[in-house]
Amino acid sequence: MPTLQFSSLSEFLQMGGVYTFHIWTVYLLFAIFIGYNLIQPRMARRQFIREQKRRAARDAELATKPRES
């Protein structure tokens, strides 16, 4: 069975002292990147659907208006 590299949670969070800031910054950027890639397609889909509904309503309104000659 593999052994843990860190003997305590505080040692894990410190990650060797000198490089702690850099390591946690990379973890934070990675989490932001993953979160954005999960959320952005949903937001784009909602925007697309909203635009299509708006266009359909506009087209329906134009189709019912009498044309002026």
C-alpha atoms as a PDB file:
ATOM      1  CA  MET A   1       0.000   0.000   0.000  1.00  0.00           C
ATOM      2  CA  PRO A   2       1.442   3.403  -0.945  1.00  0.00           C
ATOM      3  CA  THR A   3       2.377   5.790   1.806  1.00  0.00           C
ATOM      4  CA  LEU A   4       1.298   9.420   1.941  1.00  0.00           C
ATOM      5  CA  GLN A   5       3.882  12.054   1.103  1.00  0.00           C
ATOM      6  CA  PHE A   6       2.570  14.450   3.761  1.00  0.00           C
ATOM      7  CA  SER A   7       2.237  13.647   7.445  1.00  0.00           C
ATOM      8  CA  SER A   8      -0.415  16.290   8.168  1.00  0.00           C
ATOM      9  CA  LEU A   9      -2.911  18.565   6.437  1.00  0.00           C
ATOM     10  CA  SER A  10      -0.930  21.702   7.304  1.00  0.00           C
ATOM     11  CA  GLU A  11       2.180  20.162   5.730  1.00  0.00           C
ATOM     12  CA  PHE A  12       0.153  19.390   2.623  1.00  0.00           C
ATOM     13  CA  LEU A  13      -1.154  22.966   2.434  1.00  0.00           C
ATOM     14  CA  GLN A  14       2.373  24.384   2.815  1.00  0.00           C
ATOM     15  CA  MET A  15       3.712  22.148   0.022  1.00  0.00           C
ATOM     16  CA  GLY A  16       7.376  22.623   0.752  1.00  0.00           C
ATOM     17  CA  GLY A  17       7.277  26.244   1.869  1.00  0.00           C
ATOM     18  CA  VAL A  18       9.091  28.139  -0.885  1.00  0.00           C
ATOM     19  CA  TYR A  19       6.841  27.078  -3.757  1.00  0.00           C
ATOM     20  CA  THR A  20       3.528  27.171  -1.889  1.00  0.00           C
ATOM     21  CA  PHE A  21       2.274  30.374  -3.499  1.00  0.00           C
ATOM     22  CA  HIS A  22       3.113  29.162  -7.011  1.00  0.00           C
ATOM     23  CA  ILE A  23       1.557  25.742  -6.527  1.00  0.00           C
ATOM     24  CA  TRP A  24      -1.732  27.049  -5.118  1.00  0.00           C
ATOM     25  CA  THR A  25      -1.871  29.761  -7.792  1.00  0.00           C
ATOM     26  CA  VAL A  26      -1.650  27.078 -10.471  1.00  0.00           C
ATOM     27  CA  TYR A  27      -4.359  25.021  -8.723  1.00  0.00           C
ATOM     28  CA  LEU A  28      -6.603  28.100  -8.566  1.00  0.00           C
ATOM     29  CA  LEU A  29      -6.054  28.926 -12.245  1.00  0.00           C
ATOM     30  CA  PHE A  30      -6.782  25.325 -13.169  1.00  0.00           C
ATOM     31  CA  ALA A  31     -10.035  25.369 -11.159  1.00  0.00           C
ATOM     32  CA  ILE A  32     -11.080  28.633 -12.837  1.00  0.00           C
ATOM     33  CA  PHE A  33     -10.266  27.192 -16.267  1.00  0.00           C
ATOM     34  CA  ILE A  34     -12.277  24.027 -15.645  1.00  0.00           C
ATOM     35  CA  GLY A  35     -15.187  25.986 -14.174  1.00  0.00           C
ATOM     36  CA  TYR A  36     -15.265  28.344 -17.159  1.00  0.00           C
ATOM     37  CA  ASN A  37     -15.200  25.424 -19.591  1.00  0.00           C
ATOM     38  CA  LEU A  38     -18.152  23.847 -17.801  1.00  0.00           C
ATOM     39  CA  ILE A  39     -20.248  27.027 -17.555  1.00  0.00           C
ATOM     40  CA  GLN A  40     -19.514  28.859 -20.828  1.00  0.00           C
ATOM     41  CA  PRO A  41     -21.207  26.362 -23.210  1.00  0.00           C
ATOM     42  CA  ARG A  42     -24.395  26.529 -21.131  1.00  0.00           C
ATOM     43  CA  MET A  43     -24.377  30.326 -21.217  1.00  0.00           C
ATOM     44  CA  ALA A  44     -23.761  30.328 -24.985  1.00  0.00           C
ATOM     45  CA  ARG A  45     -26.624  27.862 -25.521  1.00  0.00           C
ATOM     46  CA  ARG A  46     -29.030  30.013 -23.501  1.00  0.00           C
ATOM     47  CA  GLN A  47     -27.987  33.097 -25.468  1.00  0.00           C
ATOM     48  CA  PHE A  48     -28.482  31.249 -28.767  1.00  0.00           C
ATOM     49  CA  ILE A  49     -31.957  30.067 -27.743  1.00  0.00           C
ATOM     50  CA  ARG A  50     -32.883  33.590 -26.591  1.00  0.00           C
ATOM     51  CA  GLU A  51     -31.780  35.035 -29.945  1.00  0.00           C
ATOM     52  CA  GLN A  52     -33.692  32.403 -31.910  1.00  0.00           C
ATOM     53  CA  LYS A  53     -36.884  33.087 -29.942  1.00  0.00           C
ATOM     54  CA  ARG A  54     -36.467  36.821 -30.536  1.00  0.00           C
ATOM     55  CA  ARG A  55     -35.982  36.261 -34.286  1.00  0.00           C
ATOM     56  CA  ALA A  56     -38.968  33.922 -34.478  1.00  0.00           C
ATOM     57  CA  ALA A  57     -41.174  36.480 -32.705  1.00  0.00           C
ATOM     58  CA  ARG A  58     -39.962  39.239 -35.034  1.00  0.00           C
ATOM     59  CA  ASP A  59     -40.578  37.077 -38.108  1.00  0.00           C
ATOM     60  CA  ALA A  60     -44.049  36.154 -36.880  1.00  0.00           C
ATOM     61  CA  GLU A  61     -44.858  39.817 -36.287  1.00  0.00           C
ATOM     62  CA  LEU A  62     -43.626  40.781 -39.761  1.00  0.00           C
ATOM     63  CA  ALA A  63     -45.645  37.941 -41.335  1.00  0.00           C
ATOM     64  CA  THR A  64     -48.907  39.173 -39.787  1.00  0.00           C
ATOM     65  CA  LYS A  65     -48.374  42.830 -40.720  1.00  0.00           C
ATOM     66  CA  PRO A  66     -49.991  43.915 -43.965  1.00  0.00           C
ATOM     67  CA  ARG A  67     -47.462  44.990 -46.568  1.00  0.00           C
ATOM     68  CA  GLU A  68     -47.423  48.568 -47.655  1.00  0.00           C
ATOM     69  CA  SER A  69     -47.170  49.128 -51.375  1.00  0.00           C
END
